[in-house]
C-alpha cells in the first residue's frame, strides 16, 4: 500500500499547530504567555543581554531543527 503525501498547504498548518502546542506547553510549565515574556524583555531593555541572546539563539536553532523534522515527516506521510 502506498502512503499519500501531505499537500504542501497542510505543512504550514502542521507547523502552526506545533507552534501553538509549544506555546501552550510553555504556559503550562512557566505560567507565562510567550508574548508577556517578550514584552518584559523589551521593557527591561534586555534585548542585548549576552545571556539572553545565547539562550534565544540556542532555542531558535532547536526550534528550526524540530520544525524541519516535522515538515519532513509530514511530507513522508
C-alpha atoms as a PDB file:
ATOM      1  CA  UNK A   1       0.000   0.000   0.000  1.00  0.00           C
ATOM      2  CA  UNK A   2       1.386   3.391  -0.988  1.00  0.00           C
ATOM      3  CA  UNK A   3       1.078   6.209   1.563  1.00  0.00           C
ATOM      4  CA  UNK A   4      -0.296   9.528   0.413  1.00  0.00           C
ATOM      5  CA  UNK A   5       1.834  12.645   0.530  1.00  0.00           C
ATOM      6  CA  UNK A   6       0.542  15.564   2.561  1.00  0.00           C
ATOM      7  CA  UNK A   7      -0.425  18.555   0.403  1.00  0.00           C
ATOM      8  CA  UNK A   8       2.051  21.458   0.736  1.00  0.00           C
ATOM      9  CA  UNK A   9      -0.591  23.789   2.166  1.00  0.00           C
ATOM     10  CA  UNK A  10      -1.107  21.356   5.038  1.00  0.00           C
ATOM     11  CA  UNK A  11       2.561  21.567   6.047  1.00  0.00           C
ATOM     12  CA  UNK A  12       2.103  25.189   7.122  1.00  0.00           C
ATOM     13  CA  UNK A  13      -0.967  24.175   9.108  1.00  0.00           C
ATOM     14  CA  UNK A  14       1.018  21.474  10.891  1.00  0.00           C
ATOM     15  CA  UNK A  15       3.812  23.946  11.678  1.00  0.00           C
ATOM     16  CA  UNK A  16       1.335  26.489  13.078  1.00  0.00           C
ATOM     17  CA  UNK A  17      -0.327  23.758  15.137  1.00  0.00           C
ATOM     18  CA  UNK A  18       3.038  22.721  16.563  1.00  0.00           C
ATOM     19  CA  UNK A  19       3.850  26.341  17.454  1.00  0.00           C
ATOM     20  CA  UNK A  20       0.529  26.700  19.258  1.00  0.00           C
ATOM     21  CA  UNK A  21       1.163  23.452  21.076  1.00  0.00           C
ATOM     22  CA  UNK A  22       4.638  24.641  22.113  1.00  0.00           C
ATOM     23  CA  UNK A  23       3.181  27.946  23.341  1.00  0.00           C
ATOM     24  CA  UNK A  24       0.615  26.034  25.396  1.00  0.00           C
ATOM     25  CA  UNK A  25       3.329  23.825  26.864  1.00  0.00           C
ATOM     26  CA  UNK A  26       5.398  26.916  27.722  1.00  0.00           C
ATOM     27  CA  UNK A  27       2.414  28.349  29.597  1.00  0.00           C
ATOM     28  CA  UNK A  28       1.798  25.086  31.449  1.00  0.00           C
ATOM     29  CA  UNK A  29       5.445  24.863  32.514  1.00  0.00           C
ATOM     30  CA  UNK A  30       6.012  28.530  33.392  1.00  0.00           C
ATOM     31  CA  UNK A  31       2.628  30.155  33.932  1.00  0.00           C
ATOM     32  CA  UNK A  32       3.569  32.875  31.443  1.00  0.00           C
ATOM     33  CA  UNK A  33       2.450  33.653  27.925  1.00  0.00           C
ATOM     34  CA  UNK A  34       5.285  33.991  25.408  1.00  0.00           C
ATOM     35  CA  UNK A  35       4.002  37.463  24.484  1.00  0.00           C
ATOM     36  CA  UNK A  36       4.289  38.600  28.111  1.00  0.00           C
ATOM     37  CA  UNK A  37       7.884  37.416  28.290  1.00  0.00           C
ATOM     38  CA  UNK A  38       8.749  39.249  25.081  1.00  0.00           C
ATOM     39  CA  UNK A  39       7.158  42.468  26.383  1.00  0.00           C
ATOM     40  CA  UNK A  40       9.072  42.178  29.660  1.00  0.00           C
ATOM     41  CA  UNK A  41      12.343  41.732  27.774  1.00  0.00           C
ATOM     42  CA  UNK A  42      11.702  44.956  25.865  1.00  0.00           C
ATOM     43  CA  UNK A  43      10.510  46.832  28.959  1.00  0.00           C
ATOM     44  CA  UNK A  44      13.584  45.787  30.929  1.00  0.00           C
ATOM     45  CA  UNK A  45      15.831  46.513  27.936  1.00  0.00           C
ATOM     46  CA  UNK A  46      17.287  43.012  27.889  1.00  0.00           C
ATOM     47  CA  UNK A  47      17.345  42.574  24.097  1.00  0.00           C
ATOM     48  CA  UNK A  48      21.131  42.945  24.047  1.00  0.00           C
ATOM     49  CA  UNK A  49      21.864  40.921  27.174  1.00  0.00           C
ATOM     50  CA  UNK A  50      24.532  38.332  26.217  1.00  0.00           C
ATOM     51  CA  UNK A  51      22.993  35.529  28.293  1.00  0.00           C
ATOM     52  CA  UNK A  52      19.547  36.113  26.862  1.00  0.00           C
ATOM     53  CA  UNK A  53      20.915  36.291  23.310  1.00  0.00           C
ATOM     54  CA  UNK A  54      22.686  32.963  23.788  1.00  0.00           C
ATOM     55  CA  UNK A  55      19.548  31.291  25.145  1.00  0.00           C
ATOM     56  CA  UNK A  56      17.455  32.723  22.306  1.00  0.00           C
ATOM     57  CA  UNK A  57      19.910  31.553  19.636  1.00  0.00           C
ATOM     58  CA  UNK A  58      20.020  28.040  21.117  1.00  0.00           C
ATOM     59  CA  UNK A  59      16.235  27.762  21.212  1.00  0.00           C
ATOM     60  CA  UNK A  60      15.831  29.203  17.721  1.00  0.00           C
ATOM     61  CA  UNK A  61      18.204  26.550  16.384  1.00  0.00           C
ATOM     62  CA  UNK A  62      16.359  23.782  18.261  1.00  0.00           C
ATOM     63  CA  UNK A  63      13.002  25.078  17.076  1.00  0.00           C
ATOM     64  CA  UNK A  64      14.116  25.323  13.473  1.00  0.00           C
ATOM     65  CA  UNK A  65      15.522  21.783  13.528  1.00  0.00           C
ATOM     66  CA  UNK A  66      12.345  20.444  15.139  1.00  0.00           C
ATOM     67  CA  UNK A  67      10.064  22.174  12.647  1.00  0.00           C
ATOM     68  CA  UNK A  68      12.142  20.939   9.716  1.00  0.00           C
ATOM     69  CA  UNK A  69      11.977  17.406  11.092  1.00  0.00           C
ATOM     70  CA  UNK A  70       8.201  17.641  11.488  1.00  0.00           C
ATOM     71  CA  UNK A  71       7.850  19.067   7.959  1.00  0.00           C
ATOM     72  CA  UNK A  72       9.852  16.154   6.574  1.00  0.00           C
ATOM     73  CA  UNK A  73       7.657  13.700   8.469  1.00  0.00           C
ATOM     74  CA  UNK A  74       4.566  15.384   7.077  1.00  0.00           C
ATOM     75  CA  UNK A  75       5.909  15.144   3.530  1.00  0.00           C
ATOM     76  CA  UNK A  76       6.735  11.476   4.012  1.00  0.00           C
ATOM     77  CA  UNK A  77       3.200  10.666   5.140  1.00  0.00           C
END
